[in-house]
């Protein structure tokens, strides 16, 4: 409300009008300032309320705004609790959404074309992964050792198995349901790190296998395959391999059984491998791979 211009400045009516006009300006200013600091506090809604400043209180807009400003509560940072997930215990035991199945030597773990709805983990033994073509030709794509995952295509949307898994020796396999595997990868960092590390290592191995197949001779491919089966260069190498046929080795390197037999006899005569109830791989076999 604007003051009456006809009233004398010093009169009571003039002073009242001036005070009311000032109060009106302060009220509007208070509303604007309240909107500003409420906006800073990220409050979703602000409703303008008619505000009157008592004359006797002696409050100014600045004092009232400081008085009305809401207090911001700061949340104390909660201490992070260390994960109690036992990775080794989980992979070595049964429980909800997982089970352990034992296979005899030569027994099929899963067939090419079977439903792909779980992930497998090899606890002990050895597993052969092979692929069969439409014309009946079989190729061995991998030999798995304890600590390896397989059947992980279920996580990438595969609905059927693209290969066959067969136990080479008596083996123990942990079967993890797909939903449980997804939950572990999202919630358990130790498990996720272990699985990702394995997959990266396996990816590098597949790339090296491709280069080996394209550029190396069958003799070098056989020597490299034997060293990989023996886990050469790893912390705990397995120098003595489980019983593996020359036909399987031929399928792994893309050669004939007669060529594999020829090179195996050559390696044995040179002392690079030994037959003593099993196949023992000596580190000197690396010389065949490095030889130009």
C-alpha atoms as a PDB file:
ATOM      1  CA  UNK A   1       0.000   0.000   0.000  1.00  0.00           C
ATOM      2  CA  UNK A   2       1.501   3.352  -1.058  1.00  0.00           C
ATOM      3  CA  UNK A   3       1.596   6.276   1.429  1.00  0.00           C
ATOM      4  CA  UNK A   4      -0.893   9.149   1.122  1.00  0.00           C
ATOM      5  CA  UNK A   5       0.939  11.956  -0.716  1.00  0.00           C
ATOM      6  CA  UNK A   6      -1.457  14.553   0.769  1.00  0.00           C
ATOM      7  CA  UNK A   7      -0.558  13.799   4.385  1.00  0.00           C
ATOM      8  CA  UNK A   8       2.213  15.842   6.053  1.00  0.00           C
ATOM      9  CA  UNK A   9       5.520  14.072   6.507  1.00  0.00           C
ATOM     10  CA  UNK A  10       5.678  14.584  10.229  1.00  0.00           C
ATOM     11  CA  UNK A  11       2.030  13.659  10.971  1.00  0.00           C
ATOM     12  CA  UNK A  12       1.032  10.380  12.596  1.00  0.00           C
ATOM     13  CA  UNK A  13      -0.874   9.363   9.467  1.00  0.00           C
ATOM     14  CA  UNK A  14       2.160  10.043   7.276  1.00  0.00           C
ATOM     15  CA  UNK A  15       4.501   8.110   9.565  1.00  0.00           C
ATOM     16  CA  UNK A  16       2.068   5.143   9.633  1.00  0.00           C
ATOM     17  CA  UNK A  17       1.783   5.133   5.860  1.00  0.00           C
ATOM     18  CA  UNK A  18       5.544   5.300   5.436  1.00  0.00           C
ATOM     19  CA  UNK A  19       6.043   2.432   7.927  1.00  0.00           C
ATOM     20  CA  UNK A  20       3.391   0.324   6.164  1.00  0.00           C
ATOM     21  CA  UNK A  21       5.018   0.992   2.797  1.00  0.00           C
ATOM     22  CA  UNK A  22       8.404  -0.016   4.156  1.00  0.00           C
ATOM     23  CA  UNK A  23       6.870  -3.138   5.687  1.00  0.00           C
ATOM     24  CA  UNK A  24       5.343  -3.993   2.321  1.00  0.00           C
ATOM     25  CA  UNK A  25       8.729  -3.672   0.587  1.00  0.00           C
ATOM     26  CA  UNK A  26      10.409  -5.767   3.264  1.00  0.00           C
ATOM     27  CA  UNK A  27       7.704  -8.382   2.949  1.00  0.00           C
ATOM     28  CA  UNK A  28       8.233  -8.589  -0.802  1.00  0.00           C
ATOM     29  CA  UNK A  29      11.993  -8.616  -0.353  1.00  0.00           C
ATOM     30  CA  UNK A  30      11.655 -11.375   2.213  1.00  0.00           C
ATOM     31  CA  UNK A  31       9.643 -13.447  -0.237  1.00  0.00           C
ATOM     32  CA  UNK A  32      12.275 -12.994  -2.958  1.00  0.00           C
ATOM     33  CA  UNK A  33      15.179 -13.809  -0.626  1.00  0.00           C
ATOM     34  CA  UNK A  34      13.346 -16.812   0.732  1.00  0.00           C
ATOM     35  CA  UNK A  35      12.868 -18.093  -2.812  1.00  0.00           C
ATOM     36  CA  UNK A  36      16.557 -17.613  -3.468  1.00  0.00           C
ATOM     37  CA  UNK A  37      17.899 -19.487  -0.478  1.00  0.00           C
ATOM     38  CA  UNK A  38      15.193 -22.151  -0.739  1.00  0.00           C
ATOM     39  CA  UNK A  39      16.287 -22.694  -4.311  1.00  0.00           C
ATOM     40  CA  UNK A  40      19.865 -23.147  -3.128  1.00  0.00           C
ATOM     41  CA  UNK A  41      18.717 -25.723  -0.619  1.00  0.00           C
ATOM     42  CA  UNK A  42      17.147 -27.669  -3.545  1.00  0.00           C
ATOM     43  CA  UNK A  43      13.660 -27.800  -2.033  1.00  0.00           C
ATOM     44  CA  UNK A  44      11.233 -28.989  -4.689  1.00  0.00           C
ATOM     45  CA  UNK A  45       8.339 -26.612  -3.993  1.00  0.00           C
ATOM     46  CA  UNK A  46       8.106 -23.101  -2.556  1.00  0.00           C
ATOM     47  CA  UNK A  47       4.733 -21.519  -1.788  1.00  0.00           C
ATOM     48  CA  UNK A  48       4.724 -17.727  -1.280  1.00  0.00           C
ATOM     49  CA  UNK A  49       3.220 -16.890   2.087  1.00  0.00           C
ATOM     50  CA  UNK A  50       2.108 -13.397   3.134  1.00  0.00           C
ATOM     51  CA  UNK A  51       4.583 -12.345   5.774  1.00  0.00           C
ATOM     52  CA  UNK A  52       4.261  -9.511   8.267  1.00  0.00           C
ATOM     53  CA  UNK A  53       7.165  -8.190  10.279  1.00  0.00           C
ATOM     54  CA  UNK A  54       6.106  -7.014  13.753  1.00  0.00           C
ATOM     55  CA  UNK A  55       7.094  -3.394  14.296  1.00  0.00           C
ATOM     56  CA  UNK A  56       7.950  -3.905  17.940  1.00  0.00           C
ATOM     57  CA  UNK A  57      10.255  -6.859  17.251  1.00  0.00           C
ATOM     58  CA  UNK A  58      12.774  -4.573  15.601  1.00  0.00           C
ATOM     59  CA  UNK A  59      13.588  -7.274  12.989  1.00  0.00           C
ATOM     60  CA  UNK A  60      14.924  -6.440   9.587  1.00  0.00           C
ATOM     61  CA  UNK A  61      14.604  -8.640   6.522  1.00  0.00           C
ATOM     62  CA  UNK A  62      18.221  -9.771   6.801  1.00  0.00           C
ATOM     63  CA  UNK A  63      17.823 -10.764  10.452  1.00  0.00           C
ATOM     64  CA  UNK A  64      14.538 -12.529   9.771  1.00  0.00           C
ATOM     65  CA  UNK A  65      15.948 -14.438   6.824  1.00  0.00           C
ATOM     66  CA  UNK A  66      18.884 -15.601   8.939  1.00  0.00           C
ATOM     67  CA  UNK A  67      16.442 -16.600  11.648  1.00  0.00           C
ATOM     68  CA  UNK A  68      14.195 -18.532   9.264  1.00  0.00           C
ATOM     69  CA  UNK A  69      16.929 -20.222   7.226  1.00  0.00           C
ATOM     70  CA  UNK A  70      16.590 -23.989   7.660  1.00  0.00           C
ATOM     71  CA  UNK A  71      19.484 -25.890   9.166  1.00  0.00           C
ATOM     72  CA  UNK A  72      21.151 -28.322   6.840  1.00  0.00           C
ATOM     73  CA  UNK A  73      21.759 -31.731   8.360  1.00  0.00           C
ATOM     74  CA  UNK A  74      24.971 -33.371   7.283  1.00  0.00           C
ATOM     75  CA  UNK A  75      25.092 -37.118   7.221  1.00  0.00           C
ATOM     76  CA  UNK A  76      28.132 -38.661   8.755  1.00  0.00           C
ATOM     77  CA  UNK A  77      29.946 -40.986   6.409  1.00  0.00           C
ATOM     78  CA  UNK A  78      29.175 -44.561   7.300  1.00  0.00           C
ATOM     79  CA  UNK A  79      32.259 -46.715   7.670  1.00  0.00           C
ATOM     80  CA  UNK A  80      32.591 -49.282   4.914  1.00  0.00           C
ATOM     81  CA  UNK A  81      32.357 -52.795   6.155  1.00  0.00           C
ATOM     82  CA  UNK A  82      34.802 -55.322   4.760  1.00  0.00           C
ATOM     83  CA  UNK A  83      33.190 -58.026   2.639  1.00  0.00           C
ATOM     84  CA  UNK A  84      32.687 -61.320   4.411  1.00  0.00           C
ATOM     85  CA  UNK A  85      32.371 -63.261   1.139  1.00  0.00           C
ATOM     86  CA  UNK A  86      34.564 -66.367   1.153  1.00  0.00           C
ATOM     87  CA  UNK A  87      35.506 -66.863  -2.491  1.00  0.00           C
ATOM     88  CA  UNK A  88      37.399 -70.112  -1.976  1.00  0.00           C
ATOM     89  CA  UNK A  89      34.705 -71.535   0.259  1.00  0.00           C
ATOM     90  CA  UNK A  90      31.979 -70.653  -2.240  1.00  0.00           C
ATOM     91  CA  UNK A  91      33.713 -72.302  -5.193  1.00  0.00           C
ATOM     92  CA  UNK A  92      34.602 -75.435  -3.241  1.00  0.00           C
ATOM     93  CA  UNK A  93      31.206 -76.207  -1.710  1.00  0.00           C
ATOM     94  CA  UNK A  94      27.518 -76.633  -2.468  1.00  0.00           C
ATOM     95  CA  UNK A  95      24.752 -74.278  -1.408  1.00  0.00           C
ATOM     96  CA  UNK A  96      21.733 -72.313  -2.639  1.00  0.00           C
ATOM     97  CA  UNK A  97      21.607 -72.013  -6.452  1.00  0.00           C
ATOM     98  CA  UNK A  98      24.711 -74.179  -6.880  1.00  0.00           C
ATOM     99  CA  UNK A  99      25.633 -77.845  -6.702  1.00  0.00           C
ATOM    100  CA  UNK A 100      28.640 -80.102  -7.250  1.00  0.00           C
ATOM    101  CA  UNK A 101      28.445 -82.942  -9.759  1.00  0.00           C
ATOM    102  CA  UNK A 102      31.117 -85.627 -10.179  1.00  0.00           C
ATOM    103  CA  UNK A 103      31.921 -87.145 -13.571  1.00  0.00           C
ATOM    104  CA  UNK A 104      33.835 -90.276 -14.497  1.00  0.00           C
ATOM    105  CA  UNK A 105      36.554 -90.288 -17.150  1.00  0.00           C
ATOM    106  CA  UNK A 106      34.953 -90.095 -20.582  1.00  0.00           C
ATOM    107  CA  UNK A 107      31.567 -88.967 -19.241  1.00  0.00           C
ATOM    108  CA  UNK A 108      29.864 -86.048 -20.993  1.00  0.00           C
ATOM    109  CA  UNK A 109      29.323 -82.906 -18.886  1.00  0.00           C
ATOM    110  CA  UNK A 110      27.052 -81.287 -21.483  1.00  0.00           C
ATOM    111  CA  UNK A 111      26.416 -81.797 -25.176  1.00  0.00           C
ATOM    112  CA  UNK A 112      26.529 -79.380 -28.078  1.00  0.00           C
ATOM    113  CA  UNK A 113      22.967 -78.100 -28.489  1.00  0.00           C
ATOM    114  CA  UNK A 114      21.929 -78.573 -24.835  1.00  0.00           C
ATOM    115  CA  UNK A 115      20.133 -75.668 -23.090  1.00  0.00           C
ATOM    116  CA  UNK A 116      22.586 -73.040 -21.855  1.00  0.00           C
ATOM    117  CA  UNK A 117      21.212 -71.867 -18.511  1.00  0.00           C
ATOM    118  CA  UNK A 118      24.084 -72.175 -16.036  1.00  0.00           C
ATOM    119  CA  UNK A 119      27.829 -71.638 -15.623  1.00  0.00           C
ATOM    120  CA  UNK A 120      30.308 -74.347 -14.672  1.00  0.00           C
ATOM    121  CA  UNK A 121      33.469 -74.233 -12.567  1.00  0.00           C
ATOM    122  CA  UNK A 122      36.007 -77.065 -12.597  1.00  0.00           C
ATOM    123  CA  UNK A 123      37.037 -77.946  -9.031  1.00  0.00           C
ATOM    124  CA  UNK A 124      39.310 -80.877  -9.903  1.00  0.00           C
ATOM    125  CA  UNK A 125      40.086 -83.069 -12.870  1.00  0.00           C
ATOM    126  CA  UNK A 126      40.307 -82.134 -16.543  1.00  0.00           C
ATOM    127  CA  UNK A 127      37.625 -81.204 -19.093  1.00  0.00           C
ATOM    128  CA  UNK A 128      37.856 -81.283 -22.879  1.00  0.00           C
ATOM    129  CA  UNK A 129      35.828 -78.753 -24.883  1.00  0.00           C
ATOM    130  CA  UNK A 130      35.144 -79.821 -28.466  1.00  0.00           C
ATOM    131  CA  UNK A 131      33.020 -78.730 -31.414  1.00  0.00           C
ATOM    132  CA  UNK A 132      31.445 -81.044 -33.979  1.00  0.00           C
ATOM    133  CA  UNK A 133      30.848 -79.808 -37.524  1.00  0.00           C
ATOM    134  CA  UNK A 134      27.874 -80.683 -39.723  1.00  0.00           C
ATOM    135  CA  UNK A 135      29.949 -83.222 -41.636  1.00  0.00           C
ATOM    136  CA  UNK A 136      31.037 -84.970 -38.443  1.00  0.00           C
ATOM    137  CA  UNK A 137      34.518 -83.471 -38.032  1.00  0.00           C
ATOM    138  CA  UNK A 138      35.478 -82.794 -34.419  1.00  0.00           C
ATOM    139  CA  UNK A 139      37.904 -80.153 -33.166  1.00  0.00           C
ATOM    140  CA  UNK A 140      39.147 -79.746 -29.605  1.00  0.00           C
ATOM    141  CA  UNK A 141      39.061 -76.033 -28.740  1.00  0.00           C
ATOM    142  CA  UNK A 142      40.273 -76.145 -25.126  1.00  0.00           C
ATOM    143  CA  UNK A 143      41.532 -78.347 -22.332  1.00  0.00           C
ATOM    144  CA  UNK A 144      40.415 -77.089 -18.939  1.00  0.00           C
ATOM    145  CA  UNK A 145      42.203 -77.505 -15.631  1.00  0.00           C
ATOM    146  CA  UNK A 146      41.055 -76.963 -12.020  1.00  0.00           C
ATOM    147  CA  UNK A 147      40.111 -73.319 -11.410  1.00  0.00           C
ATOM    148  CA  UNK A 148      38.666 -72.741 -14.888  1.00  0.00           C
ATOM    149  CA  UNK A 149      35.146 -71.537 -15.679  1.00  0.00           C
ATOM    150  CA  UNK A 150      33.248 -72.801 -18.707  1.00  0.00           C
ATOM    151  CA  UNK A 151      29.766 -72.499 -20.163  1.00  0.00           C
ATOM    152  CA  UNK A 152      29.889 -68.734 -19.574  1.00  0.00           C
ATOM    153  CA  UNK A 153      28.039 -68.138 -22.855  1.00  0.00           C
ATOM    154  CA  UNK A 154      24.835 -68.152 -20.799  1.00  0.00           C
ATOM    155  CA  UNK A 155      25.801 -64.700 -19.508  1.00  0.00           C
ATOM    156  CA  UNK A 156      26.067 -63.379 -23.079  1.00  0.00           C
ATOM    157  CA  UNK A 157      22.613 -64.535 -24.132  1.00  0.00           C
ATOM    158  CA  UNK A 158      23.430 -67.959 -25.588  1.00  0.00           C
ATOM    159  CA  UNK A 159      20.440 -70.262 -25.381  1.00  0.00           C
ATOM    160  CA  UNK A 160      22.179 -73.518 -26.369  1.00  0.00           C
ATOM    161  CA  UNK A 161      25.672 -74.907 -25.889  1.00  0.00           C
ATOM    162  CA  UNK A 162      27.936 -74.352 -28.880  1.00  0.00           C
ATOM    163  CA  UNK A 163      30.279 -77.187 -27.903  1.00  0.00           C
ATOM    164  CA  UNK A 164      30.569 -80.406 -25.948  1.00  0.00           C
ATOM    165  CA  UNK A 165      32.338 -80.749 -22.592  1.00  0.00           C
ATOM    166  CA  UNK A 166      33.786 -84.158 -21.722  1.00  0.00           C
ATOM    167  CA  UNK A 167      35.663 -85.275 -18.622  1.00  0.00           C
ATOM    168  CA  UNK A 168      39.134 -86.511 -19.543  1.00  0.00           C
ATOM    169  CA  UNK A 169      39.712 -87.913 -16.046  1.00  0.00           C
ATOM    170  CA  UNK A 170      37.480 -88.195 -12.976  1.00  0.00           C
ATOM    171  CA  UNK A 171      36.337 -84.612 -12.409  1.00  0.00           C
ATOM    172  CA  UNK A 172      34.304 -82.526  -9.981  1.00  0.00           C
ATOM    173  CA  UNK A 173      32.302 -79.627 -11.431  1.00  0.00           C
ATOM    174  CA  UNK A 174      30.439 -76.842  -9.629  1.00  0.00           C
ATOM    175  CA  UNK A 175      27.220 -75.807 -11.402  1.00  0.00           C
ATOM    176  CA  UNK A 176      26.089 -72.214 -10.703  1.00  0.00           C
ATOM    177  CA  UNK A 177      22.667 -71.024 -11.817  1.00  0.00           C
ATOM    178  CA  UNK A 178      22.666 -68.052 -14.186  1.00  0.00           C
ATOM    179  CA  UNK A 179      20.678 -65.749 -11.853  1.00  0.00           C
ATOM    180  CA  UNK A 180      23.024 -66.506  -8.958  1.00  0.00           C
ATOM    181  CA  UNK A 181      26.047 -65.860 -11.179  1.00  0.00           C
ATOM    182  CA  UNK A 182      24.693 -62.471 -12.248  1.00  0.00           C
ATOM    183  CA  UNK A 183      24.029 -61.516  -8.633  1.00  0.00           C
ATOM    184  CA  UNK A 184      27.560 -62.498  -7.588  1.00  0.00           C
ATOM    185  CA  UNK A 185      29.118 -60.454 -10.387  1.00  0.00           C
ATOM    186  CA  UNK A 186      27.153 -57.383  -9.270  1.00  0.00           C
ATOM    187  CA  UNK A 187      27.437 -57.715  -5.503  1.00  0.00           C
ATOM    188  CA  UNK A 188      30.662 -59.561  -4.689  1.00  0.00           C
ATOM    189  CA  UNK A 189      33.771 -57.727  -5.840  1.00  0.00           C
ATOM    190  CA  UNK A 190      36.151 -60.593  -5.070  1.00  0.00           C
ATOM    191  CA  UNK A 191      34.138 -62.986  -7.214  1.00  0.00           C
ATOM    192  CA  UNK A 192      33.776 -60.434 -10.008  1.00  0.00           C
ATOM    193  CA  UNK A 193      37.534 -59.743 -10.037  1.00  0.00           C
ATOM    194  CA  UNK A 194      38.280 -63.460 -10.184  1.00  0.00           C
ATOM    195  CA  UNK A 195      35.893 -64.101 -13.057  1.00  0.00           C
ATOM    196  CA  UNK A 196      36.960 -61.058 -15.094  1.00  0.00           C
ATOM    197  CA  UNK A 197      40.627 -61.933 -14.628  1.00  0.00           C
ATOM    198  CA  UNK A 198      39.970 -65.449 -15.877  1.00  0.00           C
ATOM    199  CA  UNK A 199      38.015 -64.246 -18.903  1.00  0.00           C
ATOM    200  CA  UNK A 200      40.723 -61.741 -19.880  1.00  0.00           C
ATOM    201  CA  UNK A 201      43.395 -64.415 -19.586  1.00  0.00           C
ATOM    202  CA  UNK A 202      41.334 -66.796 -21.662  1.00  0.00           C
ATOM    203  CA  UNK A 203      40.738 -64.134 -24.303  1.00  0.00           C
ATOM    204  CA  UNK A 204      44.492 -63.548 -24.639  1.00  0.00           C
ATOM    205  CA  UNK A 205      44.970 -67.313 -24.908  1.00  0.00           C
ATOM    206  CA  UNK A 206      42.459 -67.546 -27.754  1.00  0.00           C
ATOM    207  CA  UNK A 207      44.188 -64.730 -29.645  1.00  0.00           C
ATOM    208  CA  UNK A 208      47.558 -66.441 -29.194  1.00  0.00           C
ATOM    209  CA  UNK A 209      46.039 -69.732 -30.398  1.00  0.00           C
ATOM    210  CA  UNK A 210      44.830 -68.030 -33.557  1.00  0.00           C
ATOM    211  CA  UNK A 211      48.271 -66.568 -34.285  1.00  0.00           C
ATOM    212  CA  UNK A 212      49.844 -69.952 -33.562  1.00  0.00           C
ATOM    213  CA  UNK A 213      47.454 -71.707 -35.938  1.00  0.00           C
ATOM    214  CA  UNK A 214      48.074 -69.201 -38.737  1.00  0.00           C
ATOM    215  CA  UNK A 215      51.852 -68.836 -38.642  1.00  0.00           C
ATOM    216  CA  UNK A 216      53.500 -71.771 -36.831  1.00  0.00           C
ATOM    217  CA  UNK A 217      54.297 -75.264 -38.019  1.00  0.00           C
ATOM    218  CA  UNK A 218      52.501 -78.309 -36.631  1.00  0.00           C
ATOM    219  CA  UNK A 219      55.642 -79.206 -34.626  1.00  0.00           C
ATOM    220  CA  UNK A 220      55.656 -75.818 -32.858  1.00  0.00           C
ATOM    221  CA  UNK A 221      51.909 -75.951 -32.319  1.00  0.00           C
ATOM    222  CA  UNK A 222      52.242 -79.347 -30.652  1.00  0.00           C
ATOM    223  CA  UNK A 223      55.102 -78.206 -28.414  1.00  0.00           C
ATOM    224  CA  UNK A 224      53.192 -75.062 -27.408  1.00  0.00           C
ATOM    225  CA  UNK A 225      50.046 -77.057 -26.666  1.00  0.00           C
ATOM    226  CA  UNK A 226      51.945 -79.469 -24.421  1.00  0.00           C
ATOM    227  CA  UNK A 227      53.520 -76.569 -22.502  1.00  0.00           C
ATOM    228  CA  UNK A 228      50.135 -74.909 -22.036  1.00  0.00           C
ATOM    229  CA  UNK A 229      48.623 -78.151 -20.792  1.00  0.00           C
ATOM    230  CA  UNK A 230      51.476 -78.387 -18.287  1.00  0.00           C
ATOM    231  CA  UNK A 231      50.761 -74.800 -17.144  1.00  0.00           C
ATOM    232  CA  UNK A 232      54.293 -73.732 -18.004  1.00  0.00           C
ATOM    233  CA  UNK A 233      55.195 -70.308 -16.578  1.00  0.00           C
ATOM    234  CA  UNK A 234      52.496 -70.366 -13.895  1.00  0.00           C
ATOM    235  CA  UNK A 235      52.942 -70.517 -10.132  1.00  0.00           C
ATOM    236  CA  UNK A 236      52.250 -74.248  -9.786  1.00  0.00           C
ATOM    237  CA  UNK A 237      53.088 -75.939 -13.102  1.00  0.00           C
ATOM    238  CA  UNK A 238      51.668 -79.395 -13.722  1.00  0.00           C
ATOM    239  CA  UNK A 239      54.577 -81.194 -15.327  1.00  0.00           C
ATOM    240  CA  UNK A 240      52.828 -84.580 -15.506  1.00  0.00           C
ATOM    241  CA  UNK A 241      49.690 -84.471 -17.622  1.00  0.00           C
ATOM    242  CA  UNK A 242      46.676 -86.727 -17.256  1.00  0.00           C
ATOM    243  CA  UNK A 243      46.341 -89.438 -19.854  1.00  0.00           C
ATOM    244  CA  UNK A 244      45.606 -87.771 -23.181  1.00  0.00           C
ATOM    245  CA  UNK A 245      45.445 -89.522 -26.519  1.00  0.00           C
ATOM    246  CA  UNK A 246      47.418 -88.518 -29.577  1.00  0.00           C
ATOM    247  CA  UNK A 247      44.136 -88.254 -31.445  1.00  0.00           C
ATOM    248  CA  UNK A 248      43.001 -85.545 -29.026  1.00  0.00           C
ATOM    249  CA  UNK A 249      46.295 -83.705 -29.444  1.00  0.00           C
ATOM    250  CA  UNK A 250      45.853 -83.900 -33.229  1.00  0.00           C
ATOM    251  CA  UNK A 251      42.388 -82.367 -32.917  1.00  0.00           C
ATOM    252  CA  UNK A 252      43.779 -79.571 -30.739  1.00  0.00           C
ATOM    253  CA  UNK A 253      46.500 -78.479 -33.156  1.00  0.00           C
ATOM    254  CA  UNK A 254      44.726 -79.230 -36.428  1.00  0.00           C
ATOM    255  CA  UNK A 255      47.003 -82.022 -37.618  1.00  0.00           C
ATOM    256  CA  UNK A 256      46.783 -85.740 -38.297  1.00  0.00           C
ATOM    257  CA  UNK A 257      47.416 -88.417 -35.696  1.00  0.00           C
ATOM    258  CA  UNK A 258      50.407 -89.755 -37.657  1.00  0.00           C
ATOM    259  CA  UNK A 259      52.116 -86.332 -37.563  1.00  0.00           C
ATOM    260  CA  UNK A 260      51.530 -86.051 -33.830  1.00  0.00           C
ATOM    261  CA  UNK A 261      52.978 -89.541 -33.308  1.00  0.00           C
ATOM    262  CA  UNK A 262      56.066 -88.591 -35.316  1.00  0.00           C
ATOM    263  CA  UNK A 263      56.738 -85.431 -33.303  1.00  0.00           C
ATOM    264  CA  UNK A 264      56.009 -87.074 -29.941  1.00  0.00           C
ATOM    265  CA  UNK A 265      58.627 -89.743 -30.673  1.00  0.00           C
ATOM    266  CA  UNK A 266      61.059 -87.005 -31.689  1.00  0.00           C
ATOM    267  CA  UNK A 267      60.437 -85.074 -28.459  1.00  0.00           C
ATOM    268  CA  UNK A 268      60.920 -88.226 -26.395  1.00  0.00           C
ATOM    269  CA  UNK A 269      64.240 -89.051 -28.058  1.00  0.00           C
ATOM    270  CA  UNK A 270      65.471 -85.504 -27.425  1.00  0.00           C
ATOM    271  CA  UNK A 271      64.518 -85.804 -23.732  1.00  0.00           C
ATOM    272  CA  UNK A 272      61.918 -83.056 -23.998  1.00  0.00           C
ATOM    273  CA  UNK A 273      59.103 -85.306 -22.774  1.00  0.00           C
ATOM    274  CA  UNK A 274      58.981 -88.553 -20.788  1.00  0.00           C
ATOM    275  CA  UNK A 275      56.554 -91.447 -20.522  1.00  0.00           C
ATOM    276  CA  UNK A 276      56.370 -92.820 -17.001  1.00  0.00           C
ATOM    277  CA  UNK A 277      52.773 -93.849 -16.443  1.00  0.00           C
ATOM    278  CA  UNK A 278      51.813 -90.395 -17.660  1.00  0.00           C
ATOM    279  CA  UNK A 279      53.142 -87.722 -19.928  1.00  0.00           C
ATOM    280  CA  UNK A 280      55.839 -85.633 -18.262  1.00  0.00           C
ATOM    281  CA  UNK A 281      56.666 -82.304 -19.909  1.00  0.00           C
ATOM    282  CA  UNK A 282      60.160 -80.867 -19.402  1.00  0.00           C
ATOM    283  CA  UNK A 283      60.765 -77.140 -19.611  1.00  0.00           C
ATOM    284  CA  UNK A 284      63.384 -77.774 -22.325  1.00  0.00           C
ATOM    285  CA  UNK A 285      60.461 -78.314 -24.719  1.00  0.00           C
ATOM    286  CA  UNK A 286      60.305 -74.530 -24.914  1.00  0.00           C
ATOM    287  CA  UNK A 287      63.334 -74.634 -27.209  1.00  0.00           C
ATOM    288  CA  UNK A 288      61.128 -76.048 -29.985  1.00  0.00           C
ATOM    289  CA  UNK A 289      58.737 -73.106 -29.700  1.00  0.00           C
ATOM    290  CA  UNK A 290      61.520 -70.518 -29.661  1.00  0.00           C
ATOM    291  CA  UNK A 291      63.510 -72.115 -32.488  1.00  0.00           C
ATOM    292  CA  UNK A 292      63.217 -70.297 -35.846  1.00  0.00           C
END
